[in-house]
Every structure is written in C-alpha cells, then in structure tokens.
C-alpha atoms as a PDB file:
ATOM      1  CA  MET A   1       6.938  41.190  28.360  1.00  0.00           C
ATOM      2  CA  THR A   2       3.687  41.775  26.762  1.00  0.00           C
ATOM      3  CA  ASN A   3       3.639  44.346  23.755  1.00  0.00           C
ATOM      4  CA  LEU A   4      -0.093  44.713  24.133  1.00  0.00           C
ATOM      5  CA  SER A   5      -2.146  46.338  26.886  1.00  0.00           C
ATOM      6  CA  LEU A   6      -6.019  44.886  27.422  1.00  0.00           C
ATOM      7  CA  LYS A   7      -6.865  48.478  28.304  1.00  0.00           C
ATOM      8  CA  SER A   8      -5.583  50.142  25.095  1.00  0.00           C
ATOM      9  CA  SER A   9      -5.671  47.536  22.431  1.00  0.00           C
ATOM     10  CA  GLY A  10      -9.286  48.088  21.340  1.00  0.00           C
ATOM     11  CA  PHE A  11     -10.386  44.491  21.754  1.00  0.00           C
ATOM     12  CA  PRO A  12     -14.216  44.051  21.474  1.00  0.00           C
ATOM     13  CA  ALA A  13     -16.296  42.942  24.648  1.00  0.00           C
ATOM     14  CA  VAL A  14     -16.341  39.063  24.566  1.00  0.00           C
ATOM     15  CA  ARG A  15     -17.803  36.349  26.695  1.00  0.00           C
ATOM     16  CA  GLY A  16     -14.582  34.217  26.571  1.00  0.00           C
ATOM     17  CA  ARG A  17     -11.310  34.665  28.627  1.00  0.00           C
ATOM     18  CA  ILE A  18      -8.607  37.105  27.624  1.00  0.00           C
ATOM     19  CA  THR A  19      -5.135  36.813  29.329  1.00  0.00           C
ATOM     20  CA  GLU A  20      -2.100  38.941  29.116  1.00  0.00           C
ATOM     21  CA  ASN A  21       1.401  37.400  29.092  1.00  0.00           C
ATOM     22  CA  ALA A  22       0.056  33.973  28.937  1.00  0.00           C
ATOM     23  CA  ALA A  23       2.508  30.954  29.112  1.00  0.00           C
ATOM     24  CA  LEU A  24       2.194  28.650  26.123  1.00  0.00           C
ATOM     25  CA  GLY A  25       5.396  26.384  26.453  1.00  0.00           C
ATOM     26  CA  ASP A  26       3.646  24.145  29.217  1.00  0.00           C
ATOM     27  CA  VAL A  27       0.618  23.623  26.807  1.00  0.00           C
ATOM     28  CA  GLY A  28       2.657  22.143  24.012  1.00  0.00           C
ATOM     29  CA  TRP A  29       3.662  18.432  23.845  1.00  0.00           C
ATOM     30  CA  PHE A  30       7.438  19.428  23.787  1.00  0.00           C
ATOM     31  CA  ARG A  31       6.905  21.442  27.168  1.00  0.00           C
ATOM     32  CA  CYS A  32       9.163  24.294  26.259  1.00  0.00           C
ATOM     33  CA  GLY A  33       8.716  27.790  24.538  1.00  0.00           C
ATOM     34  CA  GLY A  34       7.726  31.455  25.251  1.00  0.00           C
ATOM     35  CA  ARG A  35       4.584  33.431  25.834  1.00  0.00           C
ATOM     36  CA  ALA A  36       1.829  35.031  24.315  1.00  0.00           C
ATOM     37  CA  ASP A  37       1.264  38.662  24.347  1.00  0.00           C
ATOM     38  CA  VAL A  38      -2.394  37.850  24.692  1.00  0.00           C
ATOM     39  CA  LEU A  39      -4.324  34.517  24.950  1.00  0.00           C
ATOM     40  CA  PHE A  40      -7.902  34.514  23.824  1.00  0.00           C
ATOM     41  CA  LYS A  41     -10.133  31.506  24.657  1.00  0.00           C
ATOM     42  CA  PRO A  42     -13.549  32.118  22.860  1.00  0.00           C
ATOM     43  CA  ALA A  43     -16.728  30.878  24.618  1.00  0.00           C
ATOM     44  CA  ASP A  44     -18.256  29.701  21.360  1.00  0.00           C
ATOM     45  CA  GLU A  45     -18.437  30.261  17.550  1.00  0.00           C
ATOM     46  CA  ASP A  46     -20.298  33.415  17.858  1.00  0.00           C
ATOM     47  CA  ASP A  47     -17.980  34.842  20.616  1.00  0.00           C
ATOM     48  CA  LEU A  48     -14.941  34.050  18.215  1.00  0.00           C
ATOM     49  CA  ALA A  49     -16.610  35.708  15.235  1.00  0.00           C
ATOM     50  CA  VAL A  50     -17.312  38.727  17.267  1.00  0.00           C
ATOM     51  CA  PHE A  51     -13.759  38.849  18.650  1.00  0.00           C
ATOM     52  CA  LEU A  52     -12.181  38.544  15.040  1.00  0.00           C
ATOM     53  CA  ALA A  53     -14.579  41.113  13.564  1.00  0.00           C
ATOM     54  CA  GLY A  54     -13.770  43.731  16.284  1.00  0.00           C
ATOM     55  CA  CYS A  55      -9.953  42.918  16.745  1.00  0.00           C
ATOM     56  CA  PRO A  56      -7.873  45.747  15.294  1.00  0.00           C
ATOM     57  CA  ALA A  57      -6.584  44.672  11.915  1.00  0.00           C
ATOM     58  CA  ASP A  58      -3.055  45.697  12.786  1.00  0.00           C
ATOM     59  CA  ILE A  59      -2.841  43.232  15.587  1.00  0.00           C
ATOM     60  CA  PRO A  60      -1.526  39.766  14.500  1.00  0.00           C
ATOM     61  CA  VAL A  61      -3.567  36.632  15.254  1.00  0.00           C
ATOM     62  CA  THR A  62      -2.267  33.173  15.593  1.00  0.00           C
ATOM     63  CA  VAL A  63      -4.405  30.078  16.454  1.00  0.00           C
ATOM     64  CA  ILE A  64      -3.048  27.076  18.350  1.00  0.00           C
ATOM     65  CA  GLY A  65      -4.431  23.587  19.379  1.00  0.00           C
ATOM     66  CA  VAL A  66      -2.913  21.291  21.747  1.00  0.00           C
ATOM     67  CA  MET A  67       0.418  21.835  19.953  1.00  0.00           C
ATOM     68  CA  SER A  68       1.037  18.124  19.377  1.00  0.00           C
ATOM     69  CA  ASN A  69       3.140  19.204  16.257  1.00  0.00           C
ATOM     70  CA  ALA A  70       4.218  22.718  16.982  1.00  0.00           C
ATOM     71  CA  ILE A  71       7.268  24.545  18.565  1.00  0.00           C
ATOM     72  CA  ILE A  72       6.437  27.724  20.287  1.00  0.00           C
ATOM     73  CA  ARG A  73       9.870  29.750  19.754  1.00  0.00           C
ATOM     74  CA  ASP A  74      11.516  30.974  23.060  1.00  0.00           C
ATOM     75  CA  GLY A  75      10.673  34.626  22.338  1.00  0.00           C
ATOM     76  CA  GLY A  76       7.143  34.177  22.327  1.00  0.00           C
ATOM     77  CA  VAL A  77       4.343  35.050  20.151  1.00  0.00           C
ATOM     78  CA  ARG A  78       3.332  38.716  19.407  1.00  0.00           C
ATOM     79  CA  GLY A  79      -0.300  39.727  19.080  1.00  0.00           C
ATOM     80  CA  VAL A  80      -3.230  37.486  19.983  1.00  0.00           C
ATOM     81  CA  VAL A  81      -3.062  33.764  20.227  1.00  0.00           C
ATOM     82  CA  ILE A  82      -6.378  32.168  19.966  1.00  0.00           C
ATOM     83  CA  ARG A  83      -6.792  28.693  21.622  1.00  0.00           C
ATOM     84  CA  LEU A  84     -10.159  26.774  21.285  1.00  0.00           C
ATOM     85  CA  GLY A  85     -11.107  24.864  24.445  1.00  0.00           C
ATOM     86  CA  ARG A  86     -13.656  22.178  25.324  1.00  0.00           C
ATOM     87  CA  GLU A  87     -16.533  24.281  24.084  1.00  0.00           C
ATOM     88  CA  PHE A  88     -15.303  23.332  20.539  1.00  0.00           C
ATOM     89  CA  ALA A  89     -14.506  19.745  21.390  1.00  0.00           C
ATOM     90  CA  GLY A  90     -17.964  18.261  21.010  1.00  0.00           C
ATOM     91  CA  ILE A  91     -18.353  14.938  19.070  1.00  0.00           C
ATOM     92  CA  GLU A  92     -21.841  13.678  17.772  1.00  0.00           C
ATOM     93  CA  LYS A  93     -23.439  11.208  15.438  1.00  0.00           C
ATOM     94  CA  LEU A  94     -25.814  12.923  13.093  1.00  0.00           C
ATOM     95  CA  PRO A  95     -29.057  11.152  11.797  1.00  0.00           C
ATOM     96  CA  ASP A  96     -27.562  10.204   8.412  1.00  0.00           C
ATOM     97  CA  GLY A  97     -24.803   8.476  10.119  1.00  0.00           C
ATOM     98  CA  THR A  98     -22.164  11.020   9.710  1.00  0.00           C
ATOM     99  CA  ILE A  99     -19.935  12.419  12.335  1.00  0.00           C
ATOM    100  CA  ARG A 100     -19.777  16.038  13.472  1.00  0.00           C
ATOM    101  CA  ALA A 101     -16.546  16.910  15.407  1.00  0.00           C
ATOM    102  CA  GLY A 102     -15.401  20.335  16.799  1.00  0.00           C
ATOM    103  CA  ALA A 103     -12.046  21.664  15.926  1.00  0.00           C
ATOM    104  CA  ALA A 104     -10.852  21.092  19.446  1.00  0.00           C
ATOM    105  CA  ALA A 105     -11.827  17.513  19.679  1.00  0.00           C
ATOM    106  CA  LEU A 106      -8.692  15.107  19.980  1.00  0.00           C
ATOM    107  CA  ASP A 107      -8.388  12.967  16.829  1.00  0.00           C
ATOM    108  CA  GLY A 108      -8.188   9.897  19.007  1.00  0.00           C
ATOM    109  CA  ASN A 109     -11.364  10.756  20.791  1.00  0.00           C
ATOM    110  CA  VAL A 110     -13.213  11.082  17.487  1.00  0.00           C
ATOM    111  CA  ALA A 111     -11.908   7.743  16.418  1.00  0.00           C
ATOM    112  CA  ALA A 112     -12.943   6.116  19.703  1.00  0.00           C
ATOM    113  CA  PHE A 113     -16.434   7.873  19.494  1.00  0.00           C
ATOM    114  CA  ALA A 114     -16.921   6.657  15.804  1.00  0.00           C
ATOM    115  CA  ALA A 115     -16.082   3.188  16.957  1.00  0.00           C
ATOM    116  CA  ARG A 116     -18.621   3.069  19.848  1.00  0.00           C
ATOM    117  CA  GLU A 117     -21.236   4.251  17.207  1.00  0.00           C
ATOM    118  CA  GLY A 118     -20.391   1.541  14.828  1.00  0.00           C
ATOM    119  CA  VAL A 119     -18.804   3.913  12.203  1.00  0.00           C
ATOM    120  CA  ALA A 120     -15.771   2.472  10.408  1.00  0.00           C
ATOM    121  CA  ASN A 121     -12.998   4.055   8.243  1.00  0.00           C
ATOM    122  CA  ILE A 122     -12.285   6.729  10.954  1.00  0.00           C
ATOM    123  CA  GLU A 123     -10.157   4.515  13.108  1.00  0.00           C
ATOM    124  CA  PHE A 124      -6.908   5.912  11.381  1.00  0.00           C
ATOM    125  CA  LEU A 125      -7.511   9.199  13.379  1.00  0.00           C
ATOM    126  CA  SER A 126      -6.456   7.286  16.507  1.00  0.00           C
ATOM    127  CA  GLY A 127      -2.812   7.238  14.979  1.00  0.00           C
ATOM    128  CA  ILE A 128      -2.678  11.020  14.618  1.00  0.00           C
ATOM    129  CA  PRO A 129      -1.632  13.140  17.616  1.00  0.00           C
ATOM    130  CA  GLY A 130      -3.445  16.543  18.130  1.00  0.00           C
ATOM    131  CA  THR A 131      -6.948  17.965  17.248  1.00  0.00           C
ATOM    132  CA  ILE A 132      -9.252  17.964  14.395  1.00  0.00           C
ATOM    133  CA  GLY A 133      -8.508  21.638  13.608  1.00  0.00           C
ATOM    134  CA  GLY A 134      -4.894  20.760  13.329  1.00  0.00           C
ATOM    135  CA  ALA A 135      -5.765  17.816  11.125  1.00  0.00           C
ATOM    136  CA  LEU A 136      -7.836  19.866   8.837  1.00  0.00           C
ATOM    137  CA  ARG A 137      -5.270  22.663   8.521  1.00  0.00           C
ATOM    138  CA  MET A 138      -2.552  20.161   7.250  1.00  0.00           C
ATOM    139  CA  ASN A 139      -4.529  17.289   5.883  1.00  0.00           C
ATOM    140  CA  ALA A 140      -3.225  14.952   8.525  1.00  0.00           C
ATOM    141  CA  GLY A 141      -3.126  11.217   7.889  1.00  0.00           C
ATOM    142  CA  ALA A 142      -1.654   7.901   9.136  1.00  0.00           C
ATOM    143  CA  TYR A 143      -1.700   4.454   8.092  1.00  0.00           C
ATOM    144  CA  GLY A 144      -2.528   4.980   4.451  1.00  0.00           C
ATOM    145  CA  ALA A 145      -5.602   7.434   4.997  1.00  0.00           C
ATOM    146  CA  GLU A 146      -5.780  11.234   5.222  1.00  0.00           C
ATOM    147  CA  ILE A 147      -8.593  13.358   6.623  1.00  0.00           C
ATOM    148  CA  LYS A 148      -9.627  14.544   3.116  1.00  0.00           C
ATOM    149  CA  ASP A 149     -10.667  10.915   2.461  1.00  0.00           C
ATOM    150  CA  VAL A 150     -13.441  11.045   5.101  1.00  0.00           C
ATOM    151  CA  LEU A 151     -14.113  14.907   5.191  1.00  0.00           C
ATOM    152  CA  ILE A 152     -17.624  16.056   3.973  1.00  0.00           C
ATOM    153  CA  ALA A 153     -17.208  19.622   5.001  1.00  0.00           C
ATOM    154  CA  ALA A 154     -15.347  22.028   7.320  1.00  0.00           C
ATOM    155  CA  VAL A 155     -16.388  25.195   8.904  1.00  0.00           C
ATOM    156  CA  ALA A 156     -13.937  28.011   9.469  1.00  0.00           C
ATOM    157  CA  ILE A 157     -14.126  31.828  10.398  1.00  0.00           C
ATOM    158  CA  ASP A 158     -11.793  34.346   8.734  1.00  0.00           C
ATOM    159  CA  ARG A 159      -9.963  37.281  10.328  1.00  0.00           C
ATOM    160  CA  THR A 160     -12.937  39.498   9.741  1.00  0.00           C
ATOM    161  CA  GLY A 161     -15.473  37.268  11.416  1.00  0.00           C
ATOM    162  CA  ASN A 162     -17.058  35.749   8.395  1.00  0.00           C
ATOM    163  CA  VAL A 163     -17.935  32.108   8.567  1.00  0.00           C
ATOM    164  CA  HIS A 164     -17.141  29.846   5.659  1.00  0.00           C
ATOM    165  CA  HIS A 165     -18.394  26.289   4.902  1.00  0.00           C
ATOM    166  CA  MET A 166     -15.878  24.423   2.761  1.00  0.00           C
ATOM    167  CA  SER A 167     -15.642  21.164   0.810  1.00  0.00           C
ATOM    168  CA  PRO A 168     -12.369  19.210   0.423  1.00  0.00           C
ATOM    169  CA  ASP A 169     -12.306  20.631  -2.935  1.00  0.00           C
ATOM    170  CA  ASP A 170     -12.580  24.079  -1.687  1.00  0.00           C
ATOM    171  CA  MET A 171      -9.794  23.363   0.498  1.00  0.00           C
ATOM    172  CA  GLY A 172      -7.446  22.243  -2.056  1.00  0.00           C
ATOM    173  CA  MET A 173      -6.254  19.328  -0.041  1.00  0.00           C
ATOM    174  CA  THR A 174      -2.927  17.606  -1.059  1.00  0.00           C
ATOM    175  CA  TYR A 175      -0.354  15.515   0.875  1.00  0.00           C
ATOM    176  CA  ARG A 176      -0.125  17.210   4.312  1.00  0.00           C
ATOM    177  CA  HIS A 177      -1.185  20.547   2.844  1.00  0.00           C
ATOM    178  CA  THR A 178      -4.419  22.676   2.215  1.00  0.00           C
ATOM    179  CA  SER A 179      -4.909  25.974   0.255  1.00  0.00           C
ATOM    180  CA  VAL A 180      -6.974  27.294   3.065  1.00  0.00           C
ATOM    181  CA  PRO A 181      -6.045  30.957   3.825  1.00  0.00           C
ATOM    182  CA  GLU A 182      -3.711  31.025   6.881  1.00  0.00           C
ATOM    183  CA  ASP A 183      -6.072  33.432   8.758  1.00  0.00           C
ATOM    184  CA  TYR A 184      -9.109  31.040   8.704  1.00  0.00           C
ATOM    185  CA  ILE A 185      -9.704  29.389  11.969  1.00  0.00           C
ATOM    186  CA  PHE A 186     -11.475  25.937  12.030  1.00  0.00           C
ATOM    187  CA  THR A 187     -14.273  25.424  14.273  1.00  0.00           C
ATOM    188  CA  GLY A 188     -15.575  22.095  13.279  1.00  0.00           C
ATOM    189  CA  CYS A 189     -16.198  19.629  10.498  1.00  0.00           C
ATOM    190  CA  THR A 190     -18.416  16.647   9.387  1.00  0.00           C
ATOM    191  CA  LEU A 191     -16.862  13.207   8.611  1.00  0.00           C
ATOM    192  CA  ARG A 192     -18.179  10.385   6.581  1.00  0.00           C
ATOM    193  CA  GLY A 193     -17.470   6.858   7.534  1.00  0.00           C
ATOM    194  CA  THR A 194     -19.068   3.572   6.764  1.00  0.00           C
ATOM    195  CA  PRO A 195     -21.386   1.263   8.836  1.00  0.00           C
ATOM    196  CA  GLY A 196     -19.349  -1.253  10.775  1.00  0.00           C
ATOM    197  CA  VAL A 197     -19.284  -3.472  13.699  1.00  0.00           C
ATOM    198  CA  ALA A 198     -18.214  -1.629  17.018  1.00  0.00           C
ATOM    199  CA  ASP A 199     -16.034  -4.529  18.355  1.00  0.00           C
ATOM    200  CA  ASP A 200     -14.143  -4.891  15.089  1.00  0.00           C
ATOM    201  CA  ILE A 201     -13.501  -1.245  14.841  1.00  0.00           C
ATOM    202  CA  LYS A 202     -12.262  -1.038  18.391  1.00  0.00           C
ATOM    203  CA  ALA A 203     -10.009  -3.971  17.549  1.00  0.00           C
ATOM    204  CA  GLN A 204      -8.432  -1.938  14.565  1.00  0.00           C
ATOM    205  CA  ILE A 205      -7.993   1.057  16.849  1.00  0.00           C
ATOM    206  CA  ALA A 206      -6.085  -1.164  19.450  1.00  0.00           C
ATOM    207  CA  GLU A 207      -3.835  -2.421  16.782  1.00  0.00           C
ATOM    208  CA  ILE A 208      -2.955   1.042  15.375  1.00  0.00           C
ATOM    209  CA  LYS A 209      -2.155   2.092  19.225  1.00  0.00           C
ATOM    210  CA  ALA A 210       0.053  -0.954  19.509  1.00  0.00           C
ATOM    211  CA  ARG A 211       1.875  -0.181  16.359  1.00  0.00           C
ATOM    212  CA  ARG A 212       2.451   3.391  17.540  1.00  0.00           C
ATOM    213  CA  ASN A 213       3.733   2.252  20.849  1.00  0.00           C
ATOM    214  CA  ASP A 214       6.096  -0.227  19.071  1.00  0.00           C
ATOM    215  CA  THR A 215       7.505   2.143  16.598  1.00  0.00           C
ATOM    216  CA  GLN A 216       7.291   5.738  18.043  1.00  0.00           C
ATOM    217  CA  PRO A 217       8.395   7.339  21.149  1.00  0.00           C
ATOM    218  CA  ILE A 218       4.995   8.301  22.358  1.00  0.00           C
ATOM    219  CA  ARG A 219       5.802   8.293  25.924  1.00  0.00           C
ATOM    220  CA  GLU A 220       8.426  11.039  25.641  1.00  0.00           C
ATOM    221  CA  ARG A 221       8.131  14.872  25.174  1.00  0.00           C
ATOM    222  CA  THR A 222       7.877  14.643  21.584  1.00  0.00           C
ATOM    223  CA  GLY A 223       5.500  15.773  18.604  1.00  0.00           C
ATOM    224  CA  GLY A 224       4.432  14.090  15.352  1.00  0.00           C
ATOM    225  CA  SER A 225       6.741  13.543  12.447  1.00  0.00           C
ATOM    226  CA  THR A 226       9.368  16.219  12.160  1.00  0.00           C
ATOM    227  CA  PHE A 227       9.677  16.238   8.472  1.00  0.00           C
ATOM    228  CA  ALA A 228       6.974  15.470   5.679  1.00  0.00           C
ATOM    229  CA  ASN A 229       7.751  12.586   3.415  1.00  0.00           C
ATOM    230  CA  PRO A 230       9.055  13.496   0.108  1.00  0.00           C
ATOM    231  CA  LYS A 231       6.604  13.461  -2.761  1.00  0.00           C
ATOM    232  CA  PRO A 232       7.355  10.917  -5.777  1.00  0.00           C
ATOM    233  CA  GLU A 233       8.208  13.993  -7.951  1.00  0.00           C
ATOM    234  CA  GLU A 234      10.705  15.389  -5.388  1.00  0.00           C
ATOM    235  CA  LEU A 235      12.389  12.016  -5.123  1.00  0.00           C
ATOM    236  CA  ALA A 236      12.731  11.791  -8.994  1.00  0.00           C
ATOM    237  CA  ALA A 237      14.168  15.241  -9.243  1.00  0.00           C
ATOM    238  CA  ALA A 238      16.652  14.567  -6.656  1.00  0.00           C
ATOM    239  CA  GLY A 239      17.452  11.218  -7.929  1.00  0.00           C
ATOM    240  CA  LEU A 240      16.475   9.232  -4.849  1.00  0.00           C
ATOM    241  CA  PRO A 241      14.898   5.875  -4.863  1.00  0.00           C
ATOM    242  CA  GLU A 242      11.124   5.647  -5.196  1.00  0.00           C
ATOM    243  CA  GLY A 243       9.261   5.418  -1.797  1.00  0.00           C
ATOM    244  CA  THR A 244      12.157   6.963   0.258  1.00  0.00           C
ATOM    245  CA  LYS A 245      10.691   8.280   3.508  1.00  0.00           C
ATOM    246  CA  ALA A 246      11.844  11.103   5.536  1.00  0.00           C
ATOM    247  CA  TRP A 247      13.139   8.990   8.331  1.00  0.00           C
ATOM    248  CA  GLN A 248      15.440   7.112   6.067  1.00  0.00           C
ATOM    249  CA  LEU A 249      16.935  10.366   4.918  1.00  0.00           C
ATOM    250  CA  VAL A 250      17.470  11.376   8.529  1.00  0.00           C
ATOM    251  CA  ASP A 251      19.136   7.993   9.241  1.00  0.00           C
ATOM    252  CA  ARG A 252      21.248   8.268   6.108  1.00  0.00           C
ATOM    253  CA  VAL A 253      22.962  11.353   7.510  1.00  0.00           C
ATOM    254  CA  GLY A 254      23.483  10.041  11.101  1.00  0.00           C
ATOM    255  CA  GLY A 255      20.524  11.812  12.414  1.00  0.00           C
ATOM    256  CA  ARG A 256      19.190   9.061  14.586  1.00  0.00           C
ATOM    257  CA  GLY A 257      20.036   9.835  18.182  1.00  0.00           C
ATOM    258  CA  LEU A 258      21.651  13.064  17.237  1.00  0.00           C
ATOM    259  CA  LYS A 259      21.424  15.763  20.037  1.00  0.00           C
ATOM    260  CA  ILE A 260      21.789  19.248  20.238  1.00  0.00           C
ATOM    261  CA  GLY A 261      21.271  20.763  23.810  1.00  0.00           C
ATOM    262  CA  GLY A 262      18.334  19.041  25.261  1.00  0.00           C
ATOM    263  CA  ALA A 263      16.894  18.131  21.918  1.00  0.00           C
ATOM    264  CA  GLN A 264      17.418  14.610  20.410  1.00  0.00           C
ATOM    265  CA  MET A 265      16.333  12.851  17.276  1.00  0.00           C
ATOM    266  CA  SER A 266      14.689   9.671  18.407  1.00  0.00           C
ATOM    267  CA  GLU A 267      16.468   6.347  18.593  1.00  0.00           C
ATOM    268  CA  LYS A 268      13.258   4.598  18.064  1.00  0.00           C
ATOM    269  CA  HIS A 269      11.912   6.457  15.148  1.00  0.00           C
ATOM    270  CA  ALA A 270      14.455   8.794  13.316  1.00  0.00           C
ATOM    271  CA  ASN A 271      11.838  11.212  12.262  1.00  0.00           C
ATOM    272  CA  PHE A 272      10.547  12.022  15.887  1.00  0.00           C
ATOM    273  CA  MET A 273      12.201  15.007  17.785  1.00  0.00           C
ATOM    274  CA  ILE A 274      12.382  14.732  21.556  1.00  0.00           C
ATOM    275  CA  ASN A 275      12.881  17.028  24.561  1.00  0.00           C
ATOM    276  CA  THR A 276      15.040  15.063  26.707  1.00  0.00           C
ATOM    277  CA  GLY A 277      14.240  17.145  29.722  1.00  0.00           C
ATOM    278  CA  ASP A 278      15.792  20.552  29.428  1.00  0.00           C
ATOM    279  CA  ALA A 279      15.423  21.586  25.731  1.00  0.00           C
ATOM    280  CA  CYS A 280      14.560  25.163  24.859  1.00  0.00           C
ATOM    281  CA  ALA A 281      12.802  25.722  21.666  1.00  0.00           C
ATOM    282  CA  ALA A 282      15.829  26.808  19.914  1.00  0.00           C
ATOM    283  CA  ASP A 283      17.546  23.323  20.420  1.00  0.00           C
ATOM    284  CA  LEU A 284      14.573  21.690  18.868  1.00  0.00           C
ATOM    285  CA  GLU A 285      14.762  23.903  15.809  1.00  0.00           C
ATOM    286  CA  ASN A 286      18.387  23.899  15.556  1.00  0.00           C
ATOM    287  CA  LEU A 287      18.498  20.256  15.578  1.00  0.00           C
ATOM    288  CA  GLY A 288      15.984  20.033  12.960  1.00  0.00           C
ATOM    289  CA  GLU A 289      17.738  22.522  10.750  1.00  0.00           C
ATOM    290  CA  GLU A 290      20.920  20.648  11.263  1.00  0.00           C
ATOM    291  CA  ILE A 291      19.359  17.617   9.942  1.00  0.00           C
ATOM    292  CA  ARG A 292      18.050  19.611   6.819  1.00  0.00           C
ATOM    293  CA  ARG A 293      21.446  20.858   6.233  1.00  0.00           C
ATOM    294  CA  ARG A 294      22.860  17.458   6.251  1.00  0.00           C
ATOM    295  CA  VAL A 295      20.384  15.897   3.981  1.00  0.00           C
ATOM    296  CA  LYS A 296      20.608  18.862   1.536  1.00  0.00           C
ATOM    297  CA  GLU A 297      24.336  18.665   1.480  1.00  0.00           C
ATOM    298  CA  GLU A 298      24.499  14.800   0.917  1.00  0.00           C
ATOM    299  CA  THR A 299      21.557  14.288  -1.308  1.00  0.00           C
ATOM    300  CA  GLY A 300      20.609  17.619  -2.804  1.00  0.00           C
ATOM    301  CA  PHE A 301      16.959  17.184  -1.321  1.00  0.00           C
ATOM    302  CA  GLU A 302      15.496  19.771   1.046  1.00  0.00           C
ATOM    303  CA  LEU A 303      13.477  18.149   3.813  1.00  0.00           C
ATOM    304  CA  ARG A 304      10.150  20.208   4.617  1.00  0.00           C
ATOM    305  CA  TRP A 305       9.380  20.718   8.295  1.00  0.00           C
ATOM    306  CA  GLU A 306       6.005  19.052   9.142  1.00  0.00           C
ATOM    307  CA  ILE A 307       6.307  20.492  12.583  1.00  0.00           C
ATOM    308  CA  LYS A 308       5.077  24.065  12.659  1.00  0.00           C
ATOM    309  CA  ARG A 309       7.366  26.673  14.256  1.00  0.00           C
ATOM    310  CA  ILE A 310       5.527  29.787  15.703  1.00  0.00           C
ATOM    311  CA  GLY A 311       6.725  33.166  17.192  1.00  0.00           C
ATOM    312  CA  ASP A 312      10.016  34.943  17.813  1.00  0.00           C
ATOM    313  CA  PHE A 313      13.477  33.654  18.126  1.00  0.00           C
END
C-alpha cells in the first residue's frame, strides 16, 4: 500500500512519468522484492532537476538503476524512487577521442561502443554488470581496473536540483567507494581511453566475457559480488593472509552452496548469491548475514556487503 498520494504530495509538474505503488522486484536481477510508493522516470536532466527542486524536502528520494547489484527488500521503498531510462543511456565519442556516457547506459554497452570506435582501456567495463551510474556511485571495477582509472568527470544533480560537475578527486574514489553525497543522482560522465585497434579491443572483450562465463553464474538470477574484497590493512588487522579474497572467506566457513529458503551462494563462485527460483528478498539478505556471522565468528573479520540493500523489511 502506498504511503503517498500523487494528488496531495505536492510534486511539481514534470514531463516524465510518475507511477504510484510501482513494482520494483521484477526490474532487479534477483527478480524479487517489494514496491515503491512512487516511481518517477524523468524525461531528461532538466526534468529531473525540476522534480528534485520541487519535491517536498520531507519525502525521501531513492535512485535505482537496473539493480544488478541491489536487493529491494520485501516491504518496499517509502517515498519516491527515481529510475533513469533510455533518455539517459546515450553513448558518444567526442572530437577529442573521449567517450561520453549517460548514467543509464549499461557498462557492457559502453565497452562495446568504445571498441567499435577504436578506444582501448575501457574494455574492463564489459566485466561489470549494471549501469554507468551505479559504477560511478561505487567506483566499480573488474579485472584489475576501476572506473576511476578512466574517469575524466562526472555529472550529478543533488536533492535541491543543483547540477554538479566533479573530477575523480572531487569524488573521493577509493576501492568500491566514493565520498559523493548519497543524495546526488549521477546523470552521466566522460571517460578517457587510449587509441587502439578495434578488432584487438573486441578480442579482449570476448576474452573477458568468456572468463565471466567460466567463473561466474551469469545465467542465473544473481547480482554482482555479494561482499567486497578485504583491504590489505583489514587483512593485517585480522591476522589473515595477504591477498585473501571475499570468496575465500565464504568458502572457509562452508558458505559455497549454502541455502536459506530460495537463496543460495553459488557453487560456481562462492561470492555470488542466487535466487534459485522462489527466494524473497529476506532469504537473500538472511543468507548474506549468515555468511557474515560465520566469517566474523571464525576469523574476527567483518565482511562488508557490496550488494546494496534498499527499503523496508
């Protein structure tokens, strides 16, 4: 049941689409979860800025992408959920050879576009599920590279409708983290690659895709990595071997293949969570918390969720 009424909420007039009591679970890669009180899909950046500036300050605002690395809790999301659509998914090569990508552009599509244009060093994006907006928010990375390594500048709109142009330094980008305020909504960015041969770049992307297929359960209802890899200083503090990965800690405590309800840690890759068919969001989160409990109990180390959990239980 929605807690907001479109007639009485005081939302500004917009050109995009506003929907009450909108289903979110079917959108996410896990295919489960609750509803949004209100879902807003802006027509463009100006429409988004107008909405944010005019949306009453006491109404919470949450932004989502394709939810490749997120769980929408079963109780749904209060307030307004904003989802950027194809209007924010454009990709183009600029005259100086850089790539401009909208926040709703899929990471893999950006990598493929860059390859066709002969722009190298962006192919790692083909190994990251999700959108550019999500990659910017968490400084996503794969195969030894992170988006901060190729980022020139990002654009975001804050809760009051103001537009911000930020460099990687402005964003405080570290491993799987940025210091950008939570209320900023990314709308796009500019990426720097290097000149390359299109066929060579495409071959590297094909290799990345093959490696993912061999090592990750990409054909299942899954997300990205469930837990972030420990930082070197965290391993040292916990007395764990240098280079220990999150999947190794999951394995160590018997997490590979572990099931709770319809949720299961993958047999193929222990740091990936799967909806086996009938999982609710609580199953997924409870499974992750059980893994965290076991690792903490056995090693003293506290695994950090890389998957974002959104909404009410």
